């Protein structure tokens, strides 16, 4: 089976069908709009940064407002309280949780902790670049391994590329920008092998969007004391990207080493909001439901236009535009939609984030006008 067939047969298999016509944002009740805070429709809608179009939730906003009275305090003790909650959630001890200013800070801190001054990072290409770009400024070397035919990290090739210079292997799973997910057996087999040789960093920013309830997080390897660091964020499913809060889960030994490089504990409003977010199961489930609906709308449109796309396990879709992205970017801006930038070597593939259903409808309409 070639990649085109694999992509077409795999993508969102068994996906939900929307009821006749396309629901709009305004199908939400006033109570839902108050609880889930959908962003308003703008003249130019931004579907380029994988942001959640809902949130922060009402519970989170109330927690943030209440935090203003203690915003004169440094965040340390409040971060400790959040770390205790996260430790319970992840099944680890308090010392194994590191609160960070978004997961991007976590990536940067780990990049320089394990690879600055001549160390090596191995990563797939294309992938999320924050760690590698920052670490390179501190003297790290990056060894890029192209993704495989299924647009997944090539784990056998990465494992073979490890040398005595390798300080860290970066894994983004599900991967940004390709939206793909490694098969479970491949993930576990090669993660075990890699962690015996060097530190394995697993970026799980999009883990919540995986629909297989049995798909493993590499936090399970942290439980076993393996050489693994896992990053998580409140930016995506919790709708808190602008508040900048995330966390790491790792072994006590690695946590001690990383802490010397972490510059922030986030901030008091974000920390108090994150605590509320963990308790707000209604918003969490709503966010996943709406993302699935929006993603299916996008895929239905791509199917109708005969455009192939990778199976998405995230809050965005990566599709084959068949034309240079800079060209499509300009054409879509003229339709009032901002899409993702080019991701070499896939310069004729487009990353489109999910939005509110009304935003996605505008994208779908604009795309049809360009391609039909």
Protein backbone atom coordinates (compact mmCIF):
# COMPACT_ATOMS: atom_id res chain seq x y z
CA UNK A 1 0.00 0.00 0.00
CA UNK A 2 1.49 3.38 -0.96
CA UNK A 3 1.32 6.44 1.27
CA UNK A 4 -1.64 7.95 -0.57
CA UNK A 5 -3.70 4.77 -0.11
CA UNK A 6 -2.62 4.45 3.51
CA UNK A 7 -3.55 8.05 4.27
CA UNK A 8 -6.91 7.82 2.53
CA UNK A 9 -7.85 4.52 4.23
CA UNK A 10 -6.59 5.48 7.68
CA UNK A 11 -7.77 9.00 8.20
CA UNK A 12 -10.50 9.28 10.82
CA UNK A 13 -11.80 5.80 10.09
CA UNK A 14 -15.28 5.44 11.47
CA UNK A 15 -15.45 9.19 12.10
CA UNK A 16 -18.70 10.71 13.21
CA UNK A 17 -21.16 12.11 10.67
CA UNK A 18 -22.64 15.53 11.27
CA UNK A 19 -26.39 15.93 11.14
CA UNK A 20 -27.77 17.48 7.94
CA UNK A 21 -26.04 20.72 7.05
CA UNK A 22 -23.19 22.27 8.98
CA UNK A 23 -23.90 23.34 12.56
CA UNK A 24 -22.84 26.90 13.34
CA UNK A 25 -21.33 28.41 16.42
CA UNK A 26 -24.73 29.79 17.28
CA UNK A 27 -26.17 26.31 17.70
CA UNK A 28 -24.68 26.60 21.19
CA UNK A 29 -27.14 27.60 23.88
CA UNK A 30 -26.55 30.81 25.87
CA UNK A 31 -25.59 28.61 28.83
CA UNK A 32 -22.99 26.76 26.73
CA UNK A 33 -21.53 30.00 25.42
CA UNK A 34 -21.17 31.23 29.01
CA UNK A 35 -19.57 27.99 30.21
CA UNK A 36 -17.29 27.27 27.27
CA UNK A 37 -16.45 30.77 25.99
CA UNK A 38 -16.28 30.32 22.18
CA UNK A 39 -14.22 33.02 20.51
CA UNK A 40 -16.14 35.48 18.31
CA UNK A 41 -15.98 35.30 14.53
CA UNK A 42 -13.45 37.83 13.22
CA UNK A 43 -12.90 39.41 9.82
CA UNK A 44 -9.79 37.27 9.34
CA UNK A 45 -9.94 34.03 11.30
CA UNK A 46 -6.70 32.50 12.53
CA UNK A 47 -6.52 28.73 12.03
CA UNK A 48 -2.73 28.58 11.96
CA UNK A 49 -1.54 27.99 15.54
CA UNK A 50 -3.49 24.96 16.82
CA UNK A 51 -5.30 27.02 19.44
CA UNK A 52 -8.48 25.82 21.13
CA UNK A 53 -11.35 28.07 19.92
CA UNK A 54 -13.10 27.55 23.27
CA UNK A 55 -12.01 28.55 26.73
CA UNK A 56 -10.79 29.35 29.17
CA UNK A 57 -13.89 27.81 30.68
CA UNK A 58 -16.18 29.69 33.04
CA UNK A 59 -14.70 27.83 36.01
CA UNK A 60 -11.17 28.71 34.96
CA UNK A 61 -12.07 32.38 34.38
CA UNK A 62 -13.62 32.62 37.84
CA UNK A 63 -10.49 31.08 39.39
CA UNK A 64 -8.30 33.57 37.53
CA UNK A 65 -10.41 36.52 38.70
CA UNK A 66 -10.22 35.29 42.29
CA UNK A 67 -6.44 34.99 41.98
CA UNK A 68 -5.97 38.74 41.52
CA UNK A 69 -6.05 39.21 45.29
CA UNK A 70 -2.98 36.99 45.66
CA UNK A 71 -1.19 38.11 42.50
CA UNK A 72 1.11 40.23 44.69
CA UNK A 73 2.65 36.95 45.87
CA UNK A 74 5.38 34.96 44.15
CA UNK A 75 4.01 31.77 42.57
CA UNK A 76 6.13 29.17 44.40
CA UNK A 77 3.67 27.89 46.99
CA UNK A 78 0.75 27.95 44.56
CA UNK A 79 2.83 26.01 42.04
CA UNK A 80 3.54 23.42 44.73
CA UNK A 81 -0.20 22.93 45.25
CA UNK A 82 -0.72 22.42 41.51
CA UNK A 83 2.23 20.03 41.37
CA UNK A 84 0.60 17.92 44.10
CA UNK A 85 -2.58 17.71 42.01
CA UNK A 86 -0.61 16.76 38.89
CA UNK A 87 1.44 14.19 40.77
CA UNK A 88 -1.78 12.48 41.84
CA UNK A 89 -3.13 12.65 38.27
CA UNK A 90 0.05 11.15 36.76
CA UNK A 91 0.70 8.60 39.51
CA UNK A 92 4.09 9.99 40.55
CA UNK A 93 5.59 11.85 43.51
CA UNK A 94 5.61 15.64 43.91
CA UNK A 95 9.33 15.83 43.16
CA UNK A 96 8.74 14.26 39.74
CA UNK A 97 6.57 17.18 38.55
CA UNK A 98 8.08 20.43 37.26
CA UNK A 99 5.70 23.33 36.57
CA UNK A 100 6.78 25.46 33.61
CA UNK A 101 5.72 28.55 31.69
CA UNK A 102 3.98 26.54 28.98
CA UNK A 103 5.47 23.35 27.58
CA UNK A 104 7.73 25.48 25.34
CA UNK A 105 9.74 26.52 28.39
CA UNK A 106 10.00 22.86 29.34
CA UNK A 107 11.34 21.95 25.90
CA UNK A 108 13.90 24.75 25.95
CA UNK A 109 15.08 23.91 29.47
CA UNK A 110 15.57 20.25 28.61
CA UNK A 111 17.33 21.03 25.34
CA UNK A 112 20.06 23.01 27.08
CA UNK A 113 20.15 20.70 30.11
CA UNK A 114 21.07 17.65 28.06
CA UNK A 115 22.68 19.00 24.89
CA UNK A 116 24.19 22.48 25.34
CA UNK A 117 27.84 23.13 24.50
CA UNK A 118 28.39 20.48 21.86
CA UNK A 119 25.82 17.86 22.84
CA UNK A 120 23.49 16.33 20.25
CA UNK A 121 19.73 16.18 19.90
CA UNK A 122 18.11 13.73 17.49
CA UNK A 123 14.67 14.66 16.16
CA UNK A 124 12.30 13.84 13.34
CA UNK A 125 11.72 16.23 10.47
CA UNK A 126 9.34 17.99 10.28
CA UNK A 127 8.41 18.43 13.93
CA UNK A 128 7.88 21.12 16.58
CA UNK A 129 11.09 23.18 16.59
CA UNK A 130 11.19 25.04 19.91
CA UNK A 131 13.67 22.73 21.66
CA UNK A 132 16.08 22.37 18.76
CA UNK A 133 16.07 26.06 17.76
CA UNK A 134 16.77 27.21 21.31
CA UNK A 135 19.35 24.55 22.15
CA UNK A 136 21.25 25.33 18.94
CA UNK A 137 21.78 28.86 20.24
CA UNK A 138 23.54 27.28 23.23
CA UNK A 139 25.90 25.18 21.14
CA UNK A 140 23.84 22.02 20.71
CA UNK A 141 24.01 20.05 17.48
CA UNK A 142 20.85 18.65 15.88
CA UNK A 143 20.69 15.44 13.85
CA UNK A 144 17.51 15.39 11.76
CA UNK A 145 15.87 12.11 10.77
CA UNK A 146 13.14 12.46 8.09
CA UNK A 147 9.70 11.08 8.96
CA UNK A 148 8.80 7.79 7.27
CA UNK A 149 6.34 7.09 4.46
CA UNK A 150 3.43 7.25 6.93
CA UNK A 151 4.63 10.70 8.08
CA UNK A 152 5.50 9.25 11.50
CA UNK A 153 8.77 9.48 13.40
CA UNK A 154 11.16 6.86 11.95
CA UNK A 155 11.96 5.20 15.26
CA UNK A 156 14.28 2.46 13.90
CA UNK A 157 16.37 5.09 12.09
CA UNK A 158 16.46 7.32 15.18
CA UNK A 159 17.55 4.41 17.35
CA UNK A 160 20.33 3.55 14.89
CA UNK A 161 21.50 7.19 14.78
CA UNK A 162 22.24 7.42 18.52
CA UNK A 163 25.92 7.85 19.35
CA UNK A 164 28.05 8.73 22.36
CA UNK A 165 27.39 12.41 21.56
CA UNK A 166 23.61 12.08 21.78
CA UNK A 167 22.34 13.82 24.89
CA UNK A 168 18.65 13.60 24.09
CA UNK A 169 16.15 12.20 21.57
CA UNK A 170 13.14 14.44 20.98
CA UNK A 171 9.85 12.72 20.20
CA UNK A 172 6.63 14.60 19.41
CA UNK A 173 3.78 12.08 19.46
CA UNK A 174 1.22 12.88 18.07
CA UNK A 175 3.53 14.84 15.81
CA UNK A 176 3.20 18.51 14.94
CA UNK A 177 2.79 19.33 12.01
CA UNK A 178 1.93 15.93 10.49
CA UNK A 179 -0.75 15.05 13.12
CA UNK A 180 0.29 11.38 12.99
CA UNK A 181 0.62 8.89 15.83
CA UNK A 182 3.11 6.05 16.16
CA UNK A 183 1.71 2.51 16.38
CA UNK A 184 1.69 1.37 20.02
CA UNK A 185 4.12 -1.50 19.54
CA UNK A 186 6.61 0.69 17.65
CA UNK A 187 6.38 3.42 20.28
CA UNK A 188 7.02 1.07 23.20
CA UNK A 189 9.68 -1.12 21.57
CA UNK A 190 11.88 1.73 20.38
CA UNK A 191 11.26 3.98 23.37
CA UNK A 192 12.62 1.19 25.57
CA UNK A 193 15.66 0.82 23.33
CA UNK A 194 16.34 4.57 23.13
CA UNK A 195 15.95 5.15 26.88
CA UNK A 196 18.69 2.57 27.54
CA UNK A 197 21.12 4.68 25.51
CA UNK A 198 20.17 8.30 26.25
CA UNK A 199 17.39 10.57 27.55
CA UNK A 200 14.11 10.29 25.65
CA UNK A 201 11.95 13.43 25.70
CA UNK A 202 8.30 12.81 24.77
CA UNK A 203 6.27 15.90 23.84
CA UNK A 204 2.65 14.90 24.52
CA UNK A 205 1.00 18.28 23.94
CA UNK A 206 -1.71 16.61 21.83
CA UNK A 207 -2.09 13.41 23.85
CA UNK A 208 -5.62 14.29 25.02
CA UNK A 209 -6.89 14.19 21.42
CA UNK A 210 -5.95 10.52 20.93
CA UNK A 211 -9.22 8.57 20.75
CA UNK A 212 -7.82 5.14 21.63
CA UNK A 213 -8.27 4.94 25.44
CA UNK A 214 -5.57 2.26 25.64
CA UNK A 215 -2.90 4.23 23.79
CA UNK A 216 0.07 4.53 26.17
CA UNK A 217 1.62 7.70 27.49
CA UNK A 218 5.35 7.44 28.14
CA UNK A 219 4.58 8.45 31.72
CA UNK A 220 4.30 4.66 32.11
CA UNK A 221 8.06 4.46 31.48
CA UNK A 222 8.67 7.18 34.07
CA UNK A 223 6.83 4.93 36.56
CA UNK A 224 9.40 2.26 35.72
CA UNK A 225 12.31 4.60 36.40
CA UNK A 226 13.38 4.78 32.76
CA UNK A 227 15.40 7.64 31.23
CA UNK A 228 12.27 9.48 30.03
CA UNK A 229 10.92 13.03 30.32
CA UNK A 230 7.29 13.74 29.34
CA UNK A 231 5.90 17.22 28.70
CA UNK A 232 2.24 18.21 28.93
CA UNK A 233 0.46 21.53 28.47
CA UNK A 234 -2.73 23.37 29.42
CA UNK A 235 -2.62 25.23 26.09
CA UNK A 236 -4.57 22.80 23.90
CA UNK A 237 -7.53 20.85 25.26
CA UNK A 238 -7.91 23.21 28.26
CA UNK A 239 -7.93 26.36 26.09
CA UNK A 240 -5.26 28.21 28.10
CA UNK A 241 -2.57 28.93 25.49
CA UNK A 242 -2.30 32.63 26.38
CA UNK A 243 -1.73 31.90 30.06
CA UNK A 244 1.49 29.91 29.47
CA UNK A 245 1.43 26.94 31.79
CA UNK A 246 2.63 23.37 31.33
CA UNK A 247 4.56 20.71 33.20
CA UNK A 248 7.11 17.90 33.02
CA UNK A 249 6.86 14.39 34.43
CA UNK A 250 10.15 12.53 34.90
CA UNK A 251 12.29 10.55 37.31
CA UNK A 252 13.55 12.18 40.52
CA UNK A 253 17.14 12.09 39.22
CA UNK A 254 16.33 13.80 35.91
CA UNK A 255 13.98 16.26 37.62
CA UNK A 256 16.78 17.43 39.90
CA UNK A 257 19.01 18.03 36.89
CA UNK A 258 16.34 19.93 34.91
CA UNK A 259 15.22 22.21 37.76
CA UNK A 260 18.46 24.19 37.61
CA UNK A 261 17.51 25.30 34.07
CA UNK A 262 13.84 26.22 34.56
CA UNK A 263 13.39 29.97 34.69
CA UNK A 264 9.70 30.29 35.66
CA UNK A 265 6.93 28.62 37.61
CA UNK A 266 4.36 30.26 35.34
CA UNK A 267 2.29 32.90 37.19
CA UNK A 268 -0.33 32.97 39.90
CA UNK A 269 -3.42 33.51 37.66
CA UNK A 270 -2.32 30.70 35.31
CA UNK A 271 -1.57 28.34 38.18
CA UNK A 272 -4.94 28.96 39.86
CA UNK A 273 -6.64 28.60 36.49
CA UNK A 274 -4.88 25.29 35.85
CA UNK A 275 -6.14 23.91 39.16
CA UNK A 276 -9.69 24.78 38.16
CA UNK A 277 -9.17 23.30 34.68
CA UNK A 278 -8.20 19.93 36.12
CA UNK A 279 -11.52 19.81 37.98
CA UNK A 280 -13.64 21.01 35.03
CA UNK A 281 -14.44 17.68 33.35
CA UNK A 282 -17.44 19.16 31.55
CA UNK A 283 -15.30 21.63 29.60
CA UNK A 284 -12.65 18.97 28.91
CA UNK A 285 -15.24 16.66 27.32
CA UNK A 286 -16.93 19.51 25.43
CA UNK A 287 -13.57 20.60 24.01
CA UNK A 288 -12.82 17.12 22.68
CA UNK A 289 -16.31 16.75 21.22
CA UNK A 290 -16.19 20.06 19.35
CA UNK A 291 -12.70 19.36 18.07
CA UNK A 292 -13.90 16.05 16.63
CA UNK A 293 -16.85 17.73 14.93
CA UNK A 294 -14.69 20.46 13.41
CA UNK A 295 -12.08 17.96 12.26
CA UNK A 296 -14.73 15.86 10.56
CA UNK A 297 -16.07 18.94 8.74
CA UNK A 298 -12.57 19.62 7.41
CA UNK A 299 -12.04 16.02 6.33
CA UNK A 300 -15.45 15.87 4.63
CA UNK A 301 -14.50 18.93 2.59
CA UNK A 302 -11.09 17.49 1.69
CA UNK A 303 -12.77 14.24 0.62
CA UNK A 304 -15.18 16.15 -1.61
CA UNK A 305 -12.22 17.90 -3.28
CA UNK A 306 -10.14 14.74 -3.63
CA UNK A 307 -7.34 16.12 -1.44
CA UNK A 308 -5.43 13.55 0.61
CA UNK A 309 -4.67 14.11 4.29
CA UNK A 310 -2.82 12.41 7.10
CA UNK A 311 -4.79 10.63 9.84
CA UNK A 312 -5.22 13.27 12.51
CA UNK A 313 -4.80 12.58 16.22
CA UNK A 314 -4.62 16.28 17.13
CA UNK A 315 -6.60 19.51 16.84
CA UNK A 316 -5.44 20.13 13.27
CA UNK A 317 -5.39 18.40 9.88
CA UNK A 318 -2.35 18.10 7.58
CA UNK A 319 -3.46 17.84 3.97
CA UNK A 320 -1.83 17.73 0.53
CA UNK A 321 -2.67 21.05 -1.09
CA UNK A 322 -0.90 20.21 -4.36
CA UNK A 323 0.36 23.78 -4.56
CA UNK A 324 3.00 25.82 -2.72
CA UNK A 325 1.73 26.75 0.74
CA UNK A 326 2.78 30.39 0.37
CA UNK A 327 0.51 30.55 -2.67
CA UNK A 328 -2.39 28.88 -0.86
CA UNK A 329 -1.74 31.04 2.21
CA UNK A 330 -2.30 34.22 0.17
CA UNK A 331 -5.39 32.81 -1.54
CA UNK A 332 -6.94 31.77 1.78
CA UNK A 333 -6.16 35.16 3.36
CA UNK A 334 -8.21 36.69 0.58
CA UNK A 335 -11.05 34.44 1.82
CA UNK A 336 -10.56 35.64 5.39
CA UNK A 337 -8.69 32.59 6.72
CA UNK A 338 -5.10 32.34 7.96
CA UNK A 339 -3.59 28.86 7.52
CA UNK A 340 -0.29 27.33 8.71
CA UNK A 341 3.16 28.18 7.38
CA UNK A 342 5.28 25.85 5.17
CA UNK A 343 6.83 22.81 6.89
CA UNK A 344 9.78 21.63 4.78
CA UNK A 345 10.15 19.22 3.11
CA UNK A 346 6.32 19.11 2.78
CA UNK A 347 6.03 22.53 1.17
CA UNK A 348 2.85 21.64 -0.70
CA UNK A 349 1.08 20.31 2.41
CA UNK A 350 -1.13 22.52 4.55
CA UNK A 351 -1.70 22.45 8.33
CA UNK A 352 -5.14 23.75 9.23
CA UNK A 353 -6.23 24.04 12.87
CA UNK A 354 -9.73 23.24 14.03
CA UNK A 355 -11.82 26.23 15.09
CA UNK A 356 -15.40 26.90 16.05
CA UNK A 357 -17.77 25.25 13.60
CA UNK A 358 -18.54 28.65 12.08
CA UNK A 359 -14.83 29.33 11.54
CA UNK A 360 -14.33 25.93 9.97
CA UNK A 361 -17.31 26.53 7.70
CA UNK A 362 -15.60 29.66 6.37
CA UNK A 363 -12.41 27.69 5.73
CA UNK A 364 -14.32 24.94 3.93
CA UNK A 365 -16.24 27.43 1.79
CA UNK A 366 -13.05 29.31 0.91
CA UNK A 367 -11.16 26.13 0.04
CA UNK A 368 -13.95 24.97 -2.26
CA UNK A 369 -13.93 28.32 -4.07
CA UNK A 370 -10.17 27.95 -4.68
CA UNK A 371 -10.20 24.31 -5.82
CA UNK A 372 -13.51 23.91 -7.66
